[in-house]
């Protein structure tokens, strides 16, 4: 694995961690963290929905990469997900595809929180030259990092 100098990894506690609202998370990422053409954003679960909204946001330029982990495109019929604001309007799949140089989606077949059909639908809609989907058997909701994720980040850094 190559090493790139001057790579900054930012991992911060987010405001509004219980409700995960788009109206709070997207401005936090945009204004507090900062997003630009060198950014690789990794979003897990509600964070993946946030990353998807960032990819379709006209106020944010094209990112270097986006990694969606355990993503959903619906609120799954869960009131708290509905209140998160991500699912209150249609997704703009065409804009989303153009929001990053590379986009990768991971989903566990055995995810007990977000059915794999959610990610399969996202993969169908996001099908393009810059999108890749990886489905992993025997994996649930990705509560710990794994090597494939690190390999994709490395690929996004050096390609």
N, C-alpha and C. Protein backbone atom coordinates (compact mmCIF):
# COMPACT_ATOMS: atom_id res chain seq x y z
N UNK A 1 0.83 -1.17 0.00
CA UNK A 1 0.00 0.00 0.00
C UNK A 1 0.88 1.24 0.00
N UNK A 2 0.63 2.13 -0.92
CA UNK A 2 1.39 3.38 -0.98
C UNK A 2 0.96 4.30 0.14
N UNK A 3 1.85 5.20 0.51
CA UNK A 3 1.51 6.22 1.49
C UNK A 3 1.58 7.56 0.81
N UNK A 4 0.61 8.38 1.09
CA UNK A 4 0.55 9.70 0.50
C UNK A 4 0.83 10.70 1.62
N UNK A 5 1.73 11.62 1.36
CA UNK A 5 2.02 12.61 2.38
C UNK A 5 0.91 13.66 2.40
N UNK A 6 0.73 14.26 3.52
CA UNK A 6 -0.23 15.34 3.71
C UNK A 6 -1.68 14.91 3.52
N UNK A 7 -2.00 13.69 3.92
CA UNK A 7 -3.39 13.24 3.91
C UNK A 7 -3.94 13.48 5.31
N UNK A 8 -5.01 14.23 5.37
CA UNK A 8 -5.63 14.53 6.65
C UNK A 8 -6.90 13.70 6.78
N UNK A 9 -7.03 13.01 7.89
CA UNK A 9 -8.23 12.23 8.18
C UNK A 9 -8.96 12.92 9.32
N UNK A 10 -10.20 13.29 9.06
CA UNK A 10 -11.00 14.00 10.07
C UNK A 10 -12.12 13.08 10.53
N UNK A 11 -12.17 12.83 11.81
CA UNK A 11 -13.23 12.06 12.42
C UNK A 11 -13.71 12.87 13.61
N UNK A 12 -14.92 13.38 13.51
CA UNK A 12 -15.43 14.26 14.56
C UNK A 12 -16.79 13.78 15.04
N UNK A 13 -17.10 14.11 16.28
CA UNK A 13 -18.45 13.90 16.77
C UNK A 13 -19.36 14.88 16.04
N UNK A 14 -20.48 14.40 15.58
CA UNK A 14 -21.43 15.24 14.86
C UNK A 14 -22.44 15.85 15.82
N UNK A 15 -22.91 17.05 15.51
CA UNK A 15 -24.03 17.58 16.29
C UNK A 15 -25.28 16.75 15.98
N UNK A 16 -26.24 16.77 16.85
CA UNK A 16 -27.52 16.10 16.61
C UNK A 16 -27.34 14.60 16.33
N UNK A 17 -26.57 13.88 17.17
CA UNK A 17 -26.27 12.47 16.89
C UNK A 17 -27.47 11.53 17.01
N UNK A 18 -28.51 11.91 17.68
CA UNK A 18 -29.67 11.03 17.84
C UNK A 18 -30.64 11.13 16.65
N UNK A 19 -30.83 12.36 16.15
CA UNK A 19 -31.80 12.55 15.06
C UNK A 19 -31.13 12.62 13.69
N UNK A 20 -29.85 12.96 13.66
CA UNK A 20 -29.05 12.91 12.43
C UNK A 20 -29.66 13.73 11.30
N UNK A 21 -30.19 14.90 11.59
CA UNK A 21 -30.93 15.67 10.60
C UNK A 21 -30.04 16.28 9.52
N UNK A 22 -30.54 16.19 8.30
CA UNK A 22 -29.85 16.75 7.15
C UNK A 22 -29.60 18.25 7.33
N UNK A 23 -30.57 18.97 7.87
CA UNK A 23 -30.45 20.42 8.04
C UNK A 23 -29.34 20.80 9.01
N UNK A 24 -28.84 19.85 9.78
CA UNK A 24 -27.73 20.11 10.70
C UNK A 24 -26.45 19.46 10.19
N UNK A 25 -26.53 18.25 9.70
CA UNK A 25 -25.32 17.52 9.28
C UNK A 25 -24.68 18.08 8.02
N UNK A 26 -25.46 18.39 7.00
CA UNK A 26 -24.87 18.89 5.75
C UNK A 26 -24.16 20.23 5.98
N UNK A 27 -24.78 21.21 6.65
CA UNK A 27 -24.03 22.44 6.93
C UNK A 27 -22.79 22.22 7.80
N UNK A 28 -22.88 21.28 8.75
CA UNK A 28 -21.72 20.97 9.59
C UNK A 28 -20.56 20.48 8.72
N UNK A 29 -20.85 19.56 7.81
CA UNK A 29 -19.80 19.04 6.92
C UNK A 29 -19.27 20.14 6.00
N UNK A 30 -20.16 20.90 5.46
CA UNK A 30 -19.78 21.95 4.50
C UNK A 30 -19.01 23.08 5.18
N UNK A 31 -19.51 23.56 6.31
CA UNK A 31 -18.96 24.77 6.94
C UNK A 31 -17.92 24.49 8.02
N UNK A 32 -18.10 23.43 8.78
CA UNK A 32 -17.18 23.14 9.88
C UNK A 32 -16.03 22.22 9.46
N UNK A 33 -16.34 21.18 8.74
CA UNK A 33 -15.32 20.23 8.29
C UNK A 33 -14.65 20.76 7.02
N UNK A 34 -15.46 21.17 6.07
CA UNK A 34 -14.95 21.66 4.79
C UNK A 34 -14.87 20.53 3.78
N UNK A 35 -15.44 20.76 2.62
CA UNK A 35 -15.47 19.77 1.55
C UNK A 35 -14.92 20.42 0.29
N UNK A 36 -14.01 19.71 -0.41
CA UNK A 36 -13.47 20.25 -1.66
C UNK A 36 -13.10 19.10 -2.59
N UNK A 37 -12.42 19.43 -3.67
CA UNK A 37 -12.10 18.43 -4.70
C UNK A 37 -11.14 17.35 -4.23
N UNK A 38 -10.54 17.52 -3.06
CA UNK A 38 -9.64 16.51 -2.51
C UNK A 38 -10.31 15.63 -1.44
N UNK A 39 -11.55 15.91 -1.15
CA UNK A 39 -12.27 15.22 -0.08
C UNK A 39 -12.77 13.85 -0.51
N UNK A 40 -12.55 12.89 0.37
CA UNK A 40 -13.18 11.57 0.26
C UNK A 40 -14.08 11.47 1.48
N UNK A 41 -15.37 11.40 1.25
CA UNK A 41 -16.31 11.32 2.36
C UNK A 41 -16.75 9.86 2.52
N UNK A 42 -16.78 9.42 3.77
CA UNK A 42 -17.25 8.06 4.08
C UNK A 42 -18.47 8.22 4.97
N UNK A 43 -19.60 7.70 4.51
CA UNK A 43 -20.83 7.79 5.28
C UNK A 43 -21.37 6.41 5.59
N UNK A 44 -21.68 6.20 6.86
CA UNK A 44 -22.21 4.91 7.31
C UNK A 44 -23.65 5.08 7.79
N UNK A 45 -24.56 4.28 7.28
CA UNK A 45 -25.96 4.26 7.70
C UNK A 45 -26.59 5.64 7.47
N UNK A 46 -26.98 6.35 8.51
CA UNK A 46 -27.53 7.70 8.31
C UNK A 46 -26.49 8.61 7.66
N UNK A 47 -25.23 8.37 7.95
CA UNK A 47 -24.16 9.13 7.32
C UNK A 47 -24.06 8.87 5.83
N UNK A 48 -24.46 7.68 5.38
CA UNK A 48 -24.49 7.39 3.95
C UNK A 48 -25.58 8.20 3.27
N UNK A 49 -26.74 8.33 3.92
CA UNK A 49 -27.81 9.18 3.37
C UNK A 49 -27.33 10.62 3.29
N UNK A 50 -26.62 11.07 4.30
CA UNK A 50 -26.04 12.41 4.28
C UNK A 50 -25.07 12.57 3.12
N UNK A 51 -24.19 11.60 2.94
CA UNK A 51 -23.23 11.65 1.84
C UNK A 51 -23.94 11.68 0.49
N UNK A 52 -25.03 10.95 0.36
CA UNK A 52 -25.79 10.95 -0.89
C UNK A 52 -26.38 12.33 -1.16
N UNK A 53 -26.89 13.00 -0.13
CA UNK A 53 -27.42 14.35 -0.32
C UNK A 53 -26.30 15.34 -0.65
N UNK A 54 -25.13 15.13 -0.08
CA UNK A 54 -23.98 15.99 -0.41
C UNK A 54 -23.61 15.82 -1.88
N UNK A 55 -23.63 14.59 -2.36
CA UNK A 55 -23.27 14.33 -3.76
C UNK A 55 -24.20 15.05 -4.74
N UNK A 56 -25.44 15.26 -4.36
CA UNK A 56 -26.38 15.92 -5.27
C UNK A 56 -26.54 17.42 -4.98
N UNK A 57 -25.72 17.95 -4.08
CA UNK A 57 -25.84 19.35 -3.64
C UNK A 57 -25.08 20.28 -4.58
N UNK A 58 -25.77 21.22 -5.19
CA UNK A 58 -25.17 22.19 -6.12
C UNK A 58 -24.18 23.13 -5.43
N UNK A 59 -24.33 23.34 -4.14
CA UNK A 59 -23.45 24.26 -3.41
C UNK A 59 -22.11 23.64 -3.03
N UNK A 60 -21.96 22.38 -3.29
CA UNK A 60 -20.72 21.67 -2.96
C UNK A 60 -20.13 21.16 -4.26
N UNK A 61 -18.89 21.46 -4.50
CA UNK A 61 -18.24 21.02 -5.73
C UNK A 61 -18.02 19.53 -5.76
N UNK A 62 -17.50 19.06 -6.87
CA UNK A 62 -17.24 17.64 -7.06
C UNK A 62 -16.16 17.16 -6.09
N UNK A 63 -16.45 16.09 -5.36
CA UNK A 63 -15.51 15.51 -4.41
C UNK A 63 -14.60 14.52 -5.10
N UNK A 64 -13.49 14.21 -4.45
CA UNK A 64 -12.58 13.18 -4.97
C UNK A 64 -13.24 11.80 -4.91
N UNK A 65 -13.93 11.54 -3.80
CA UNK A 65 -14.56 10.24 -3.66
C UNK A 65 -15.64 10.24 -2.60
N UNK A 66 -16.52 9.25 -2.69
CA UNK A 66 -17.55 9.03 -1.69
C UNK A 66 -17.70 7.53 -1.49
N UNK A 67 -17.75 7.13 -0.23
CA UNK A 67 -17.95 5.73 0.12
C UNK A 67 -19.21 5.64 0.97
N UNK A 68 -20.16 4.89 0.48
CA UNK A 68 -21.44 4.71 1.15
C UNK A 68 -21.45 3.33 1.80
N UNK A 69 -21.66 3.28 3.09
CA UNK A 69 -21.63 2.03 3.83
C UNK A 69 -23.00 1.82 4.48
N UNK A 70 -23.63 0.70 4.16
CA UNK A 70 -24.96 0.38 4.70
C UNK A 70 -25.95 1.51 4.40
N UNK A 71 -26.06 1.84 3.13
CA UNK A 71 -26.91 2.96 2.71
C UNK A 71 -28.35 2.52 2.48
N UNK A 72 -29.26 3.48 2.66
CA UNK A 72 -30.68 3.28 2.37
C UNK A 72 -31.17 4.44 1.52
N UNK A 73 -32.16 4.18 0.70
CA UNK A 73 -32.76 5.26 -0.08
C UNK A 73 -34.18 5.58 0.39
N UNK A 74 -34.72 4.76 1.32
CA UNK A 74 -36.02 5.03 1.92
C UNK A 74 -35.88 5.18 3.42
N UNK A 75 -36.94 5.67 4.05
CA UNK A 75 -36.92 5.80 5.51
C UNK A 75 -37.26 4.48 6.20
N UNK A 76 -37.46 3.43 5.42
CA UNK A 76 -37.72 2.08 5.93
C UNK A 76 -38.99 2.00 6.78
N UNK A 77 -39.85 3.03 6.67
CA UNK A 77 -41.06 3.06 7.46
C UNK A 77 -40.82 3.40 8.92
N UNK A 78 -39.65 3.95 9.21
CA UNK A 78 -39.27 4.28 10.59
C UNK A 78 -39.40 5.78 10.79
N UNK A 79 -40.21 6.18 11.77
CA UNK A 79 -40.48 7.60 12.00
C UNK A 79 -39.22 8.42 12.24
N UNK A 80 -38.28 7.91 13.01
CA UNK A 80 -37.06 8.66 13.28
C UNK A 80 -36.25 8.88 12.00
N UNK A 81 -36.26 7.91 11.09
CA UNK A 81 -35.58 8.09 9.81
C UNK A 81 -36.31 9.13 8.97
N UNK A 82 -37.63 9.11 9.01
CA UNK A 82 -38.42 10.11 8.30
C UNK A 82 -38.07 11.52 8.80
N UNK A 83 -37.88 11.66 10.09
CA UNK A 83 -37.56 12.96 10.68
C UNK A 83 -36.14 13.42 10.38
N UNK A 84 -35.30 12.52 9.89
CA UNK A 84 -33.91 12.90 9.58
C UNK A 84 -33.82 13.83 8.37
N UNK A 85 -34.90 13.93 7.60
CA UNK A 85 -35.04 14.85 6.47
C UNK A 85 -34.43 14.35 5.17
N UNK A 86 -33.64 13.30 5.19
CA UNK A 86 -32.99 12.82 3.97
C UNK A 86 -33.98 12.20 2.99
N UNK A 87 -35.07 11.67 3.50
CA UNK A 87 -35.97 10.86 2.69
C UNK A 87 -37.27 11.58 2.34
N UNK A 88 -37.31 12.91 2.51
CA UNK A 88 -38.54 13.66 2.30
C UNK A 88 -38.73 14.17 0.88
N UNK A 89 -37.86 13.77 -0.03
CA UNK A 89 -37.97 14.17 -1.44
C UNK A 89 -37.23 13.13 -2.28
N UNK A 90 -37.50 13.12 -3.59
CA UNK A 90 -36.83 12.14 -4.44
C UNK A 90 -35.32 12.37 -4.50
N UNK A 91 -34.59 11.31 -4.77
CA UNK A 91 -33.15 11.39 -4.96
C UNK A 91 -32.87 11.81 -6.40
N UNK A 92 -31.86 12.64 -6.58
CA UNK A 92 -31.44 13.04 -7.93
C UNK A 92 -30.22 12.18 -8.30
N UNK A 93 -30.49 11.00 -8.84
CA UNK A 93 -29.43 10.03 -9.11
C UNK A 93 -28.42 10.55 -10.12
N UNK A 94 -28.87 11.28 -11.14
CA UNK A 94 -27.95 11.80 -12.15
C UNK A 94 -26.98 12.82 -11.54
N UNK A 95 -27.50 13.71 -10.71
CA UNK A 95 -26.61 14.67 -10.03
C UNK A 95 -25.65 13.95 -9.09
N UNK A 96 -26.19 12.96 -8.39
CA UNK A 96 -25.37 12.22 -7.44
C UNK A 96 -24.17 11.56 -8.12
N UNK A 97 -24.39 10.99 -9.27
CA UNK A 97 -23.31 10.33 -10.02
C UNK A 97 -22.18 11.31 -10.35
N UNK A 98 -22.52 12.58 -10.53
CA UNK A 98 -21.54 13.60 -10.90
C UNK A 98 -20.92 14.28 -9.70
N UNK A 99 -21.33 13.90 -8.49
CA UNK A 99 -20.88 14.58 -7.28
C UNK A 99 -19.50 14.19 -6.79
N UNK A 100 -18.93 13.12 -7.36
CA UNK A 100 -17.59 12.68 -6.96
C UNK A 100 -16.93 11.96 -8.13
N UNK A 101 -15.61 12.01 -8.14
CA UNK A 101 -14.87 11.28 -9.18
C UNK A 101 -15.13 9.79 -9.10
N UNK A 102 -15.16 9.26 -7.87
CA UNK A 102 -15.42 7.83 -7.65
C UNK A 102 -16.39 7.68 -6.49
N UNK A 103 -17.30 6.72 -6.65
CA UNK A 103 -18.28 6.43 -5.61
C UNK A 103 -18.31 4.91 -5.43
N UNK A 104 -18.24 4.48 -4.18
CA UNK A 104 -18.25 3.05 -3.87
C UNK A 104 -19.29 2.81 -2.79
N UNK A 105 -20.09 1.79 -2.95
CA UNK A 105 -21.12 1.43 -1.97
C UNK A 105 -20.85 0.02 -1.46
N UNK A 106 -20.79 -0.13 -0.14
CA UNK A 106 -20.65 -1.43 0.51
C UNK A 106 -21.95 -1.75 1.25
N UNK A 107 -22.35 -3.01 1.19
CA UNK A 107 -23.51 -3.41 1.99
C UNK A 107 -23.35 -4.87 2.39
N UNK A 108 -23.74 -5.17 3.61
CA UNK A 108 -23.70 -6.54 4.11
C UNK A 108 -25.01 -7.25 3.82
N UNK A 109 -24.92 -8.43 3.27
CA UNK A 109 -26.11 -9.22 2.95
C UNK A 109 -26.92 -9.50 4.22
N UNK A 110 -26.24 -9.65 5.34
CA UNK A 110 -26.90 -9.98 6.59
C UNK A 110 -27.16 -8.77 7.49
N UNK A 111 -27.23 -7.59 6.89
CA UNK A 111 -27.52 -6.37 7.67
C UNK A 111 -28.91 -6.48 8.27
N UNK A 112 -28.99 -6.43 9.58
CA UNK A 112 -30.27 -6.56 10.28
C UNK A 112 -31.00 -5.23 10.44
N UNK A 113 -30.36 -4.13 10.07
CA UNK A 113 -30.98 -2.82 10.21
C UNK A 113 -31.44 -2.24 8.86
N UNK A 114 -30.64 -2.42 7.83
CA UNK A 114 -30.99 -1.91 6.51
C UNK A 114 -30.94 -3.09 5.53
N UNK A 115 -32.09 -3.48 5.01
CA UNK A 115 -32.12 -4.63 4.09
C UNK A 115 -31.23 -4.40 2.87
N UNK A 116 -30.59 -5.45 2.42
CA UNK A 116 -29.67 -5.38 1.28
C UNK A 116 -30.38 -4.88 0.02
N UNK A 117 -31.69 -5.05 -0.07
CA UNK A 117 -32.43 -4.57 -1.23
C UNK A 117 -32.32 -3.05 -1.38
N UNK A 118 -32.16 -2.35 -0.28
CA UNK A 118 -31.97 -0.88 -0.33
C UNK A 118 -30.71 -0.56 -1.13
N UNK A 119 -29.61 -1.21 -0.80
CA UNK A 119 -28.34 -0.95 -1.49
C UNK A 119 -28.37 -1.44 -2.93
N UNK A 120 -29.04 -2.52 -3.17
CA UNK A 120 -29.14 -3.02 -4.55
C UNK A 120 -29.88 -2.01 -5.43
N UNK A 121 -30.91 -1.39 -4.90
CA UNK A 121 -31.63 -0.36 -5.64
C UNK A 121 -30.73 0.84 -5.90
N UNK A 122 -29.98 1.27 -4.87
CA UNK A 122 -29.04 2.38 -5.04
C UNK A 122 -28.03 2.03 -6.13
N UNK A 123 -27.50 0.82 -6.08
CA UNK A 123 -26.52 0.40 -7.08
C UNK A 123 -27.11 0.41 -8.49
N UNK A 124 -28.36 0.01 -8.62
CA UNK A 124 -29.03 0.03 -9.92
C UNK A 124 -29.16 1.47 -10.43
N UNK A 125 -29.56 2.38 -9.56
CA UNK A 125 -29.75 3.78 -9.95
C UNK A 125 -28.43 4.51 -10.19
N UNK A 126 -27.39 4.10 -9.47
CA UNK A 126 -26.09 4.77 -9.56
C UNK A 126 -25.17 4.15 -10.60
N UNK A 127 -25.64 3.12 -11.29
CA UNK A 127 -24.81 2.42 -12.26
C UNK A 127 -24.17 3.40 -13.24
N UNK A 128 -22.83 3.48 -13.20
CA UNK A 128 -22.08 4.38 -14.07
C UNK A 128 -20.61 3.99 -14.00
N UNK A 129 -19.79 4.63 -14.83
CA UNK A 129 -18.36 4.31 -14.87
C UNK A 129 -17.65 4.62 -13.56
N UNK A 130 -18.16 5.57 -12.79
CA UNK A 130 -17.46 5.97 -11.56
C UNK A 130 -18.07 5.35 -10.30
N UNK A 131 -18.98 4.38 -10.47
CA UNK A 131 -19.64 3.77 -9.32
C UNK A 131 -19.31 2.28 -9.24
N UNK A 132 -19.07 1.83 -8.01
CA UNK A 132 -18.82 0.41 -7.78
C UNK A 132 -19.61 -0.04 -6.55
N UNK A 133 -20.16 -1.22 -6.64
CA UNK A 133 -20.95 -1.79 -5.54
C UNK A 133 -20.33 -3.09 -5.08
N UNK A 134 -20.16 -3.23 -3.76
CA UNK A 134 -19.63 -4.45 -3.18
C UNK A 134 -20.61 -4.95 -2.13
N UNK A 135 -21.07 -6.16 -2.33
CA UNK A 135 -21.98 -6.80 -1.40
C UNK A 135 -21.20 -7.90 -0.68
N UNK A 136 -21.25 -7.89 0.63
CA UNK A 136 -20.46 -8.84 1.41
C UNK A 136 -21.35 -9.81 2.18
N UNK A 137 -21.10 -11.09 1.99
CA UNK A 137 -21.86 -12.13 2.70
C UNK A 137 -21.29 -12.29 4.11
N UNK A 138 -22.17 -12.61 5.04
CA UNK A 138 -21.74 -12.83 6.41
C UNK A 138 -21.43 -11.55 7.16
N UNK A 139 -21.83 -10.42 6.58
CA UNK A 139 -21.56 -9.12 7.19
C UNK A 139 -22.88 -8.46 7.54
N UNK A 140 -22.93 -7.84 8.70
CA UNK A 140 -24.15 -7.18 9.15
C UNK A 140 -24.09 -5.68 8.84
N UNK A 141 -24.04 -4.84 9.85
CA UNK A 141 -24.17 -3.39 9.67
C UNK A 141 -22.84 -2.65 9.78
N UNK A 142 -21.73 -3.34 9.61
CA UNK A 142 -20.40 -2.73 9.54
C UNK A 142 -20.10 -1.86 10.77
N UNK A 143 -20.09 -2.46 11.92
CA UNK A 143 -19.77 -1.69 13.12
C UNK A 143 -18.27 -1.58 13.37
N UNK A 144 -17.46 -2.24 12.56
CA UNK A 144 -16.01 -2.15 12.68
C UNK A 144 -15.40 -2.00 11.29
N UNK A 145 -14.25 -1.33 11.19
CA UNK A 145 -13.61 -1.19 9.88
C UNK A 145 -13.16 -2.53 9.30
N UNK A 146 -12.95 -2.58 8.02
CA UNK A 146 -12.51 -3.81 7.36
C UNK A 146 -11.57 -3.42 6.22
N UNK A 147 -10.77 -4.38 5.77
CA UNK A 147 -9.70 -4.12 4.82
C UNK A 147 -10.19 -3.57 3.48
N UNK A 148 -11.31 -4.09 2.96
CA UNK A 148 -11.82 -3.60 1.67
C UNK A 148 -12.07 -2.11 1.69
N UNK A 149 -12.57 -1.60 2.80
CA UNK A 149 -12.81 -0.17 2.94
C UNK A 149 -11.50 0.61 2.81
N UNK A 150 -10.47 0.15 3.50
CA UNK A 150 -9.17 0.81 3.44
C UNK A 150 -8.58 0.73 2.03
N UNK A 151 -8.78 -0.39 1.35
CA UNK A 151 -8.29 -0.54 -0.02
C UNK A 151 -8.97 0.45 -0.96
N UNK A 152 -10.28 0.66 -0.79
CA UNK A 152 -11.01 1.61 -1.64
C UNK A 152 -10.53 3.04 -1.37
N UNK A 153 -10.32 3.39 -0.12
CA UNK A 153 -9.78 4.71 0.19
C UNK A 153 -8.43 4.89 -0.48
N UNK A 154 -7.57 3.89 -0.36
CA UNK A 154 -6.25 3.94 -0.98
C UNK A 154 -6.36 4.12 -2.49
N UNK A 155 -7.27 3.39 -3.11
CA UNK A 155 -7.49 3.52 -4.55
C UNK A 155 -7.94 4.94 -4.91
N UNK A 156 -8.81 5.50 -4.11
CA UNK A 156 -9.29 6.86 -4.38
C UNK A 156 -8.18 7.89 -4.22
N UNK A 157 -7.26 7.63 -3.31
CA UNK A 157 -6.14 8.55 -3.08
C UNK A 157 -5.13 8.52 -4.22
N UNK A 158 -4.90 7.35 -4.80
CA UNK A 158 -3.78 7.19 -5.73
C UNK A 158 -4.15 7.02 -7.18
N UNK A 159 -5.41 6.94 -7.49
CA UNK A 159 -5.79 6.73 -8.88
C UNK A 159 -6.08 8.06 -9.56
